[in-house]
mmCIF file of all heavy atoms, coordinates in Angstrom:
data_MODEL
# 
_entry.id   MODEL 
# 
loop_
_atom_site.group_PDB 
_atom_site.id 
_atom_site.type_symbol 
_atom_site.label_atom_id 
_atom_site.label_alt_id 
_atom_site.label_comp_id 
_atom_site.label_asym_id 
_atom_site.label_entity_id 
_atom_site.label_seq_id 
_atom_site.pdbx_PDB_ins_code 
_atom_site.Cartn_x 
_atom_site.Cartn_y 
_atom_site.Cartn_z 
_atom_site.occupancy 
_atom_site.B_iso_or_equiv 
_atom_site.pdbx_formal_charge 
_atom_site.auth_seq_id 
_atom_site.auth_comp_id 
_atom_site.auth_asym_id 
_atom_site.auth_atom_id 
_atom_site.pdbx_PDB_model_num 
ATOM 1   N N   . SER A 1 1  ? 89.087 181.548 81.805  1.00 0.00 ? 1  SER A N   1 
ATOM 2   C CA  . SER A 1 1  ? 90.122 182.278 82.536  1.00 0.00 ? 1  SER A CA  1 
ATOM 3   C C   . SER A 1 1  ? 89.546 183.308 83.504  1.00 0.00 ? 1  SER A C   1 
ATOM 4   O O   . SER A 1 1  ? 88.332 183.449 83.662  1.00 0.00 ? 1  SER A O   1 
ATOM 5   C CB  . SER A 1 1  ? 91.039 182.996 81.535  1.00 0.00 ? 1  SER A CB  1 
ATOM 6   O OG  . SER A 1 1  ? 90.374 184.140 81.004  1.00 0.00 ? 1  SER A OG  1 
ATOM 7   N N   . THR A 1 2  ? 90.475 184.059 84.124  1.00 0.00 ? 2  THR A N   1 
ATOM 8   C CA  . THR A 1 2  ? 90.088 185.158 85.010  1.00 0.00 ? 2  THR A CA  1 
ATOM 9   C C   . THR A 1 2  ? 89.323 186.253 84.268  1.00 0.00 ? 2  THR A C   1 
ATOM 10  O O   . THR A 1 2  ? 88.795 187.178 84.891  1.00 0.00 ? 2  THR A O   1 
ATOM 11  C CB  . THR A 1 2  ? 91.324 185.775 85.699  1.00 0.00 ? 2  THR A CB  1 
ATOM 12  O OG1 . THR A 1 2  ? 92.425 185.807 84.789  1.00 0.00 ? 2  THR A OG1 1 
ATOM 13  C CG2 . THR A 1 2  ? 91.723 185.003 86.930  1.00 0.00 ? 2  THR A CG2 1 
ATOM 14  N N   . ARG A 1 3  ? 89.247 186.142 82.957  1.00 0.00 ? 3  ARG A N   1 
ATOM 15  C CA  . ARG A 1 3  ? 88.367 187.022 82.188  1.00 0.00 ? 3  ARG A CA  1 
ATOM 16  C C   . ARG A 1 3  ? 86.932 186.942 82.711  1.00 0.00 ? 3  ARG A C   1 
ATOM 17  O O   . ARG A 1 3  ? 86.164 187.905 82.623  1.00 0.00 ? 3  ARG A O   1 
ATOM 18  C CB  . ARG A 1 3  ? 88.432 186.627 80.713  1.00 0.00 ? 3  ARG A CB  1 
ATOM 19  C CG  . ARG A 1 3  ? 87.414 187.303 79.827  1.00 0.00 ? 3  ARG A CG  1 
ATOM 20  C CD  . ARG A 1 3  ? 87.621 186.929 78.382  1.00 0.00 ? 3  ARG A CD  1 
ATOM 21  N NE  . ARG A 1 3  ? 88.635 187.794 77.792  1.00 0.00 ? 3  ARG A NE  1 
ATOM 22  C CZ  . ARG A 1 3  ? 88.649 188.175 76.516  1.00 0.00 ? 3  ARG A CZ  1 
ATOM 23  N NH1 . ARG A 1 3  ? 87.728 187.746 75.699  1.00 0.00 ? 3  ARG A NH1 1 
ATOM 24  N NH2 . ARG A 1 3  ? 89.584 188.983 76.055  1.00 0.00 ? 3  ARG A NH2 1 
ATOM 25  N N   . MET A 1 4  ? 86.567 185.770 83.280  1.00 0.00 ? 4  MET A N   1 
ATOM 26  C CA  . MET A 1 4  ? 85.215 185.605 83.813  1.00 0.00 ? 4  MET A CA  1 
ATOM 27  C C   . MET A 1 4  ? 84.957 186.569 84.971  1.00 0.00 ? 4  MET A C   1 
ATOM 28  O O   . MET A 1 4  ? 83.814 186.988 85.195  1.00 0.00 ? 4  MET A O   1 
ATOM 29  C CB  . MET A 1 4  ? 85.001 184.158 84.250  1.00 0.00 ? 4  MET A CB  1 
ATOM 30  C CG  . MET A 1 4  ? 83.608 183.846 84.795  1.00 0.00 ? 4  MET A CG  1 
ATOM 31  S SD  . MET A 1 4  ? 82.228 184.208 83.666  1.00 0.00 ? 4  MET A SD  1 
ATOM 32  C CE  . MET A 1 4  ? 82.388 182.861 82.480  1.00 0.00 ? 4  MET A CE  1 
ATOM 33  N N   . VAL A 1 5  ? 86.002 186.949 85.725  1.00 0.00 ? 5  VAL A N   1 
ATOM 34  C CA  . VAL A 1 5  ? 85.823 187.949 86.778  1.00 0.00 ? 5  VAL A CA  1 
ATOM 35  C C   . VAL A 1 5  ? 85.385 189.269 86.146  1.00 0.00 ? 5  VAL A C   1 
ATOM 36  O O   . VAL A 1 5  ? 84.451 189.936 86.617  1.00 0.00 ? 5  VAL A O   1 
ATOM 37  C CB  . VAL A 1 5  ? 87.115 188.140 87.599  1.00 0.00 ? 5  VAL A CB  1 
ATOM 38  C CG1 . VAL A 1 5  ? 86.919 189.238 88.646  1.00 0.00 ? 5  VAL A CG1 1 
ATOM 39  C CG2 . VAL A 1 5  ? 87.536 186.832 88.262  1.00 0.00 ? 5  VAL A CG2 1 
ATOM 40  N N   . GLY A 1 6  ? 86.063 189.650 85.062  1.00 0.00 ? 6  GLY A N   1 
ATOM 41  C CA  . GLY A 1 6  ? 85.665 190.858 84.346  1.00 0.00 ? 6  GLY A CA  1 
ATOM 42  C C   . GLY A 1 6  ? 84.259 190.758 83.788  1.00 0.00 ? 6  GLY A C   1 
ATOM 43  O O   . GLY A 1 6  ? 83.512 191.743 83.776  1.00 0.00 ? 6  GLY A O   1 
ATOM 44  N N   . ALA A 1 7  ? 83.880 189.560 83.334  1.00 0.00 ? 7  ALA A N   1 
ATOM 45  C CA  . ALA A 1 7  ? 82.527 189.358 82.802  1.00 0.00 ? 7  ALA A CA  1 
ATOM 46  C C   . ALA A 1 7  ? 81.482 189.599 83.877  1.00 0.00 ? 7  ALA A C   1 
ATOM 47  O O   . ALA A 1 7  ? 80.436 190.215 83.619  1.00 0.00 ? 7  ALA A O   1 
ATOM 48  C CB  . ALA A 1 7  ? 82.396 187.945 82.243  1.00 0.00 ? 7  ALA A CB  1 
ATOM 49  N N   . VAL A 1 8  ? 81.737 189.135 85.091  1.00 0.00 ? 8  VAL A N   1 
ATOM 50  C CA  . VAL A 1 8  ? 80.801 189.349 86.197  1.00 0.00 ? 8  VAL A CA  1 
ATOM 51  C C   . VAL A 1 8  ? 80.662 190.847 86.486  1.00 0.00 ? 8  VAL A C   1 
ATOM 52  O O   . VAL A 1 8  ? 79.553 191.357 86.688  1.00 0.00 ? 8  VAL A O   1 
ATOM 53  C CB  . VAL A 1 8  ? 81.265 188.582 87.455  1.00 0.00 ? 8  VAL A CB  1 
ATOM 54  C CG1 . VAL A 1 8  ? 80.464 189.002 88.682  1.00 0.00 ? 8  VAL A CG1 1 
ATOM 55  C CG2 . VAL A 1 8  ? 81.144 187.075 87.237  1.00 0.00 ? 8  VAL A CG2 1 
ATOM 56  N N   . VAL A 1 9  ? 81.793 191.552 86.498  1.00 0.00 ? 9  VAL A N   1 
ATOM 57  C CA  . VAL A 1 9  ? 81.765 193.000 86.746  1.00 0.00 ? 9  VAL A CA  1 
ATOM 58  C C   . VAL A 1 9  ? 80.935 193.708 85.685  1.00 0.00 ? 9  VAL A C   1 
ATOM 59  O O   . VAL A 1 9  ? 80.047 194.512 86.001  1.00 0.00 ? 9  VAL A O   1 
ATOM 60  C CB  . VAL A 1 9  ? 83.199 193.576 86.771  1.00 0.00 ? 9  VAL A CB  1 
ATOM 61  C CG1 . VAL A 1 9  ? 83.158 195.105 86.891  1.00 0.00 ? 9  VAL A CG1 1 
ATOM 62  C CG2 . VAL A 1 9  ? 84.014 192.972 87.896  1.00 0.00 ? 9  VAL A CG2 1 
ATOM 63  N N   . MET A 1 10 ? 81.195 193.409 84.404  1.00 0.00 ? 10 MET A N   1 
ATOM 64  C CA  . MET A 1 10 ? 80.584 194.175 83.311  1.00 0.00 ? 10 MET A CA  1 
ATOM 65  C C   . MET A 1 10 ? 79.168 193.726 82.965  1.00 0.00 ? 10 MET A C   1 
ATOM 66  O O   . MET A 1 10 ? 78.437 194.466 82.320  1.00 0.00 ? 10 MET A O   1 
ATOM 67  C CB  . MET A 1 10 ? 81.468 194.102 82.077  1.00 0.00 ? 10 MET A CB  1 
ATOM 68  C CG  . MET A 1 10 ? 82.794 194.810 82.245  1.00 0.00 ? 10 MET A CG  1 
ATOM 69  S SD  . MET A 1 10 ? 83.610 195.138 80.667  1.00 0.00 ? 10 MET A SD  1 
ATOM 70  C CE  . MET A 1 10 ? 83.856 193.476 80.087  1.00 0.00 ? 10 MET A CE  1 
ATOM 71  N N   . THR A 1 11 ? 78.779 192.525 83.382  1.00 0.00 ? 11 THR A N   1 
ATOM 72  C CA  . THR A 1 11 ? 77.412 192.077 83.131  1.00 0.00 ? 11 THR A CA  1 
ATOM 73  C C   . THR A 1 11 ? 76.448 192.632 84.166  1.00 0.00 ? 11 THR A C   1 
ATOM 74  O O   . THR A 1 11 ? 75.319 193.015 83.844  1.00 0.00 ? 11 THR A O   1 
ATOM 75  C CB  . THR A 1 11 ? 77.337 190.538 83.140  1.00 0.00 ? 11 THR A CB  1 
ATOM 76  O OG1 . THR A 1 11 ? 78.189 190.011 82.118  1.00 0.00 ? 11 THR A OG1 1 
ATOM 77  C CG2 . THR A 1 11 ? 75.918 190.042 82.900  1.00 0.00 ? 11 THR A CG2 1 
ATOM 78  N N   . HIS A 1 12 ? 76.889 192.683 85.429  1.00 0.00 ? 12 HIS A N   1 
ATOM 79  C CA  . HIS A 1 12 ? 75.969 193.009 86.516  1.00 0.00 ? 12 HIS A CA  1 
ATOM 80  C C   . HIS A 1 12 ? 76.191 194.369 87.166  1.00 0.00 ? 12 HIS A C   1 
ATOM 81  O O   . HIS A 1 12 ? 75.285 194.886 87.820  1.00 0.00 ? 12 HIS A O   1 
ATOM 82  C CB  . HIS A 1 12 ? 76.059 191.937 87.604  1.00 0.00 ? 12 HIS A CB  1 
ATOM 83  C CG  . HIS A 1 12 ? 75.783 190.550 87.117  1.00 0.00 ? 12 HIS A CG  1 
ATOM 84  N ND1 . HIS A 1 12 ? 74.619 190.215 86.475  1.00 0.00 ? 12 HIS A ND1 1 
ATOM 85  C CD2 . HIS A 1 12 ? 76.531 189.410 87.173  1.00 0.00 ? 12 HIS A CD2 1 
ATOM 86  C CE1 . HIS A 1 12 ? 74.653 188.927 86.161  1.00 0.00 ? 12 HIS A CE1 1 
ATOM 87  N NE2 . HIS A 1 12 ? 75.793 188.424 86.572  1.00 0.00 ? 12 HIS A NE2 1 
ATOM 88  N N   . GLY A 1 13 ? 77.375 194.958 87.022  1.00 0.00 ? 13 GLY A N   1 
ATOM 89  C CA  . GLY A 1 13 ? 77.690 196.183 87.741  1.00 0.00 ? 13 GLY A CA  1 
ATOM 90  C C   . GLY A 1 13 ? 76.812 197.358 87.338  1.00 0.00 ? 13 GLY A C   1 
ATOM 91  O O   . GLY A 1 13 ? 76.286 197.413 86.223  1.00 0.00 ? 13 GLY A O   1 
ATOM 92  N N   . ASP A 1 14 ? 76.663 198.310 88.272  1.00 0.00 ? 14 ASP A N   1 
ATOM 93  C CA  . ASP A 1 14 ? 75.919 199.533 87.976  1.00 0.00 ? 14 ASP A CA  1 
ATOM 94  C C   . ASP A 1 14 ? 76.747 200.736 88.428  1.00 0.00 ? 14 ASP A C   1 
ATOM 95  O O   . ASP A 1 14 ? 77.919 200.592 88.789  1.00 0.00 ? 14 ASP A O   1 
ATOM 96  C CB  . ASP A 1 14 ? 74.528 199.515 88.612  1.00 0.00 ? 14 ASP A CB  1 
ATOM 97  C CG  . ASP A 1 14 ? 74.562 199.445 90.143  1.00 0.00 ? 14 ASP A CG  1 
ATOM 98  O OD1 . ASP A 1 14 ? 75.620 199.720 90.752  1.00 0.00 ? 14 ASP A OD1 1 
ATOM 99  O OD2 . ASP A 1 14 ? 73.521 199.107 90.744  1.00 0.00 ? 14 ASP A OD2 1 
ATOM 100 N N   . ASP A 1 15 ? 76.133 201.909 88.427  1.00 0.00 ? 15 ASP A N   1 
ATOM 101 C CA  . ASP A 1 15 ? 76.880 203.126 88.731  1.00 0.00 ? 15 ASP A CA  1 
ATOM 102 C C   . ASP A 1 15 ? 77.293 203.235 90.195  1.00 0.00 ? 15 ASP A C   1 
ATOM 103 O O   . ASP A 1 15 ? 78.062 204.134 90.556  1.00 0.00 ? 15 ASP A O   1 
ATOM 104 C CB  . ASP A 1 15 ? 76.070 204.356 88.329  1.00 0.00 ? 15 ASP A CB  1 
ATOM 105 C CG  . ASP A 1 15 ? 75.994 204.526 86.812  1.00 0.00 ? 15 ASP A CG  1 
ATOM 106 O OD1 . ASP A 1 15 ? 76.750 203.833 86.103  1.00 0.00 ? 15 ASP A OD1 1 
ATOM 107 O OD2 . ASP A 1 15 ? 75.170 205.335 86.340  1.00 0.00 ? 15 ASP A OD2 1 
ATOM 108 N N   . LYS A 1 16 ? 76.813 202.331 91.044  1.00 0.00 ? 16 LYS A N   1 
ATOM 109 C CA  . LYS A 1 16 ? 77.239 202.308 92.442  1.00 0.00 ? 16 LYS A CA  1 
ATOM 110 C C   . LYS A 1 16 ? 78.343 201.294 92.697  1.00 0.00 ? 16 LYS A C   1 
ATOM 111 O O   . LYS A 1 16 ? 78.886 201.233 93.791  1.00 0.00 ? 16 LYS A O   1 
ATOM 112 C CB  . LYS A 1 16 ? 76.051 202.015 93.353  1.00 0.00 ? 16 LYS A CB  1 
ATOM 113 C CG  . LYS A 1 16 ? 75.022 203.132 93.401  1.00 0.00 ? 16 LYS A CG  1 
ATOM 114 C CD  . LYS A 1 16 ? 73.950 202.837 94.429  1.00 0.00 ? 16 LYS A CD  1 
ATOM 115 C CE  . LYS A 1 16 ? 72.961 204.000 94.546  1.00 0.00 ? 16 LYS A CE  1 
ATOM 116 N NZ  . LYS A 1 16 ? 71.932 203.716 95.574  1.00 0.00 ? 16 LYS A NZ  1 
ATOM 117 N N   . GLY A 1 17 ? 78.649 200.473 91.694  1.00 0.00 ? 17 GLY A N   1 
ATOM 118 C CA  . GLY A 1 17 ? 79.716 199.493 91.871  1.00 0.00 ? 17 GLY A CA  1 
ATOM 119 C C   . GLY A 1 17 ? 79.335 198.116 91.385  1.00 0.00 ? 17 GLY A C   1 
ATOM 120 O O   . GLY A 1 17 ? 78.576 197.954 90.430  1.00 0.00 ? 17 GLY A O   1 
ATOM 121 N N   . LEU A 1 18 ? 79.885 197.108 92.058  1.00 0.00 ? 18 LEU A N   1 
ATOM 122 C CA  . LEU A 1 18 ? 79.601 195.717 91.710  1.00 0.00 ? 18 LEU A CA  1 
ATOM 123 C C   . LEU A 1 18 ? 78.191 195.337 92.132  1.00 0.00 ? 18 LEU A C   1 
ATOM 124 O O   . LEU A 1 18 ? 77.622 195.899 93.068  1.00 0.00 ? 18 LEU A O   1 
ATOM 125 C CB  . LEU A 1 18 ? 80.577 194.776 92.424  1.00 0.00 ? 18 LEU A CB  1 
ATOM 126 C CG  . LEU A 1 18 ? 82.072 194.943 92.194  1.00 0.00 ? 18 LEU A CG  1 
ATOM 127 C CD1 . LEU A 1 18 ? 82.832 193.945 93.047  1.00 0.00 ? 18 LEU A CD1 1 
ATOM 128 C CD2 . LEU A 1 18 ? 82.412 194.747 90.728  1.00 0.00 ? 18 LEU A CD2 1 
ATOM 129 N N   . ARG A 1 19 ? 77.651 194.337 91.436  1.00 0.00 ? 19 ARG A N   1 
ATOM 130 C CA  . ARG A 1 19 ? 76.471 193.611 91.911  1.00 0.00 ? 19 ARG A CA  1 
ATOM 131 C C   . ARG A 1 19 ? 76.823 192.134 91.717  1.00 0.00 ? 19 ARG A C   1 
ATOM 132 O O   . ARG A 1 19 ? 76.763 191.623 90.603  1.00 0.00 ? 19 ARG A O   1 
ATOM 133 C CB  . ARG A 1 19 ? 75.207 193.962 91.112  1.00 0.00 ? 19 ARG A CB  1 
ATOM 134 C CG  . ARG A 1 19 ? 74.730 195.382 91.300  1.00 0.00 ? 19 ARG A CG  1 
ATOM 135 C CD  . ARG A 1 19 ? 73.309 195.572 90.749  1.00 0.00 ? 19 ARG A CD  1 
ATOM 136 N NE  . ARG A 1 19 ? 73.200 195.084 89.372  1.00 0.00 ? 19 ARG A NE  1 
ATOM 137 C CZ  . ARG A 1 19 ? 72.038 194.910 88.741  1.00 0.00 ? 19 ARG A CZ  1 
ATOM 138 N NH1 . ARG A 1 19 ? 70.894 195.159 89.351  1.00 0.00 ? 19 ARG A NH1 1 
ATOM 139 N NH2 . ARG A 1 19 ? 72.006 194.480 87.489  1.00 0.00 ? 19 ARG A NH2 1 
ATOM 140 N N   . LEU A 1 20 ? 77.231 191.493 92.778  1.00 0.00 ? 20 LEU A N   1 
ATOM 141 C CA  . LEU A 1 20 ? 77.748 190.135 92.655  1.00 0.00 ? 20 LEU A CA  1 
ATOM 142 C C   . LEU A 1 20 ? 76.634 189.101 92.794  1.00 0.00 ? 20 LEU A C   1 
ATOM 143 O O   . LEU A 1 20 ? 75.804 189.192 93.705  1.00 0.00 ? 20 LEU A O   1 
ATOM 144 C CB  . LEU A 1 20 ? 78.807 189.874 93.723  1.00 0.00 ? 20 LEU A CB  1 
ATOM 145 C CG  . LEU A 1 20 ? 80.092 190.700 93.601  1.00 0.00 ? 20 LEU A CG  1 
ATOM 146 C CD1 . LEU A 1 20 ? 81.025 190.382 94.766  1.00 0.00 ? 20 LEU A CD1 1 
ATOM 147 C CD2 . LEU A 1 20 ? 80.794 190.434 92.264  1.00 0.00 ? 20 LEU A CD2 1 
ATOM 148 N N   . PRO A 1 21 ? 76.639 188.090 91.915  1.00 0.00 ? 21 PRO A N   1 
ATOM 149 C CA  . PRO A 1 21 ? 75.694 186.990 92.104  1.00 0.00 ? 21 PRO A CA  1 
ATOM 150 C C   . PRO A 1 21 ? 76.044 186.249 93.392  1.00 0.00 ? 21 PRO A C   1 
ATOM 151 O O   . PRO A 1 21 ? 77.226 185.986 93.663  1.00 0.00 ? 21 PRO A O   1 
ATOM 152 C CB  . PRO A 1 21 ? 75.917 186.111 90.866  1.00 0.00 ? 21 PRO A CB  1 
ATOM 153 C CG  . PRO A 1 21 ? 77.250 186.501 90.331  1.00 0.00 ? 21 PRO A CG  1 
ATOM 154 C CD  . PRO A 1 21 ? 77.470 187.920 90.717  1.00 0.00 ? 21 PRO A CD  1 
ATOM 155 N N   . PRO A 1 22 ? 75.060 185.915 94.210  1.00 0.00 ? 22 PRO A N   1 
ATOM 156 C CA  . PRO A 1 22 ? 75.337 185.305 95.516  1.00 0.00 ? 22 PRO A CA  1 
ATOM 157 C C   . PRO A 1 22 ? 76.221 184.063 95.468  1.00 0.00 ? 22 PRO A C   1 
ATOM 158 O O   . PRO A 1 22 ? 77.024 183.837 96.376  1.00 0.00 ? 22 PRO A O   1 
ATOM 159 C CB  . PRO A 1 22 ? 73.938 184.968 96.035  1.00 0.00 ? 22 PRO A CB  1 
ATOM 160 C CG  . PRO A 1 22 ? 73.065 186.023 95.432  1.00 0.00 ? 22 PRO A CG  1 
ATOM 161 C CD  . PRO A 1 22 ? 73.624 186.245 94.063  1.00 0.00 ? 22 PRO A CD  1 
ATOM 162 N N   . LYS A 1 23 ? 76.111 183.265 94.406  1.00 0.00 ? 23 LYS A N   1 
ATOM 163 C CA  . LYS A 1 23 ? 76.906 182.033 94.358  1.00 0.00 ? 23 LYS A CA  1 
ATOM 164 C C   . LYS A 1 23 ? 78.401 182.312 94.228  1.00 0.00 ? 23 LYS A C   1 
ATOM 165 O O   . LYS A 1 23 ? 79.214 181.454 94.566  1.00 0.00 ? 23 LYS A O   1 
ATOM 166 C CB  . LYS A 1 23 ? 76.428 181.131 93.223  1.00 0.00 ? 23 LYS A CB  1 
ATOM 167 C CG  . LYS A 1 23 ? 75.064 180.513 93.486  1.00 0.00 ? 23 LYS A CG  1 
ATOM 168 C CD  . LYS A 1 23 ? 74.687 179.518 92.402  1.00 0.00 ? 23 LYS A CD  1 
ATOM 169 C CE  . LYS A 1 23 ? 73.323 178.892 92.673  1.00 0.00 ? 23 LYS A CE  1 
ATOM 170 N NZ  . LYS A 1 23 ? 72.937 177.918 91.623  1.00 0.00 ? 23 LYS A NZ  1 
ATOM 171 N N   . LEU A 1 24 ? 78.780 183.498 93.741  1.00 0.00 ? 24 LEU A N   1 
ATOM 172 C CA  . LEU A 1 24 ? 80.203 183.832 93.580  1.00 0.00 ? 24 LEU A CA  1 
ATOM 173 C C   . LEU A 1 24 ? 80.685 184.901 94.544  1.00 0.00 ? 24 LEU A C   1 
ATOM 174 O O   . LEU A 1 24 ? 81.885 185.155 94.623  1.00 0.00 ? 24 LEU A O   1 
ATOM 175 C CB  . LEU A 1 24 ? 80.474 184.301 92.146  1.00 0.00 ? 24 LEU A CB  1 
ATOM 176 C CG  . LEU A 1 24 ? 80.333 183.259 91.033  1.00 0.00 ? 24 LEU A CG  1 
ATOM 177 C CD1 . LEU A 1 24 ? 80.723 183.865 89.697  1.00 0.00 ? 24 LEU A CD1 1 
ATOM 178 C CD2 . LEU A 1 24 ? 81.185 182.019 91.307  1.00 0.00 ? 24 LEU A CD2 1 
ATOM 179 N N   . ALA A 1 25 ? 79.785 185.530 95.272  1.00 0.00 ? 25 ALA A N   1 
ATOM 180 C CA  . ALA A 1 25 ? 80.179 186.629 96.162  1.00 0.00 ? 25 ALA A CA  1 
ATOM 181 C C   . ALA A 1 25 ? 81.033 186.119 97.312  1.00 0.00 ? 25 ALA A C   1 
ATOM 182 O O   . ALA A 1 25 ? 80.640 185.161 97.992  1.00 0.00 ? 25 ALA A O   1 
ATOM 183 C CB  . ALA A 1 25 ? 78.938 187.318 96.714  1.00 0.00 ? 25 ALA A CB  1 
ATOM 184 N N   . PRO A 1 26 ? 82.201 186.734 97.551  1.00 0.00 ? 26 PRO A N   1 
ATOM 185 C CA  . PRO A 1 26 ? 83.014 186.327 98.706  1.00 0.00 ? 26 PRO A CA  1 
ATOM 186 C C   . PRO A 1 26 ? 82.219 186.406 100.004 1.00 0.00 ? 26 PRO A C   1 
ATOM 187 O O   . PRO A 1 26 ? 82.321 185.514 100.851 1.00 0.00 ? 26 PRO A O   1 
ATOM 188 C CB  . PRO A 1 26 ? 84.161 187.334 98.686  1.00 0.00 ? 26 PRO A CB  1 
ATOM 189 C CG  . PRO A 1 26 ? 84.292 187.731 97.250  1.00 0.00 ? 26 PRO A CG  1 
ATOM 190 C CD  . PRO A 1 26 ? 82.883 187.754 96.739  1.00 0.00 ? 26 PRO A CD  1 
# 
């Protein structure tokens, strides 16, 4: 589900914000 969006945020994010994996980054 869209829970995977939250997983991306909480696995990679840091104190400056998101860190998106290139394959999923808009």
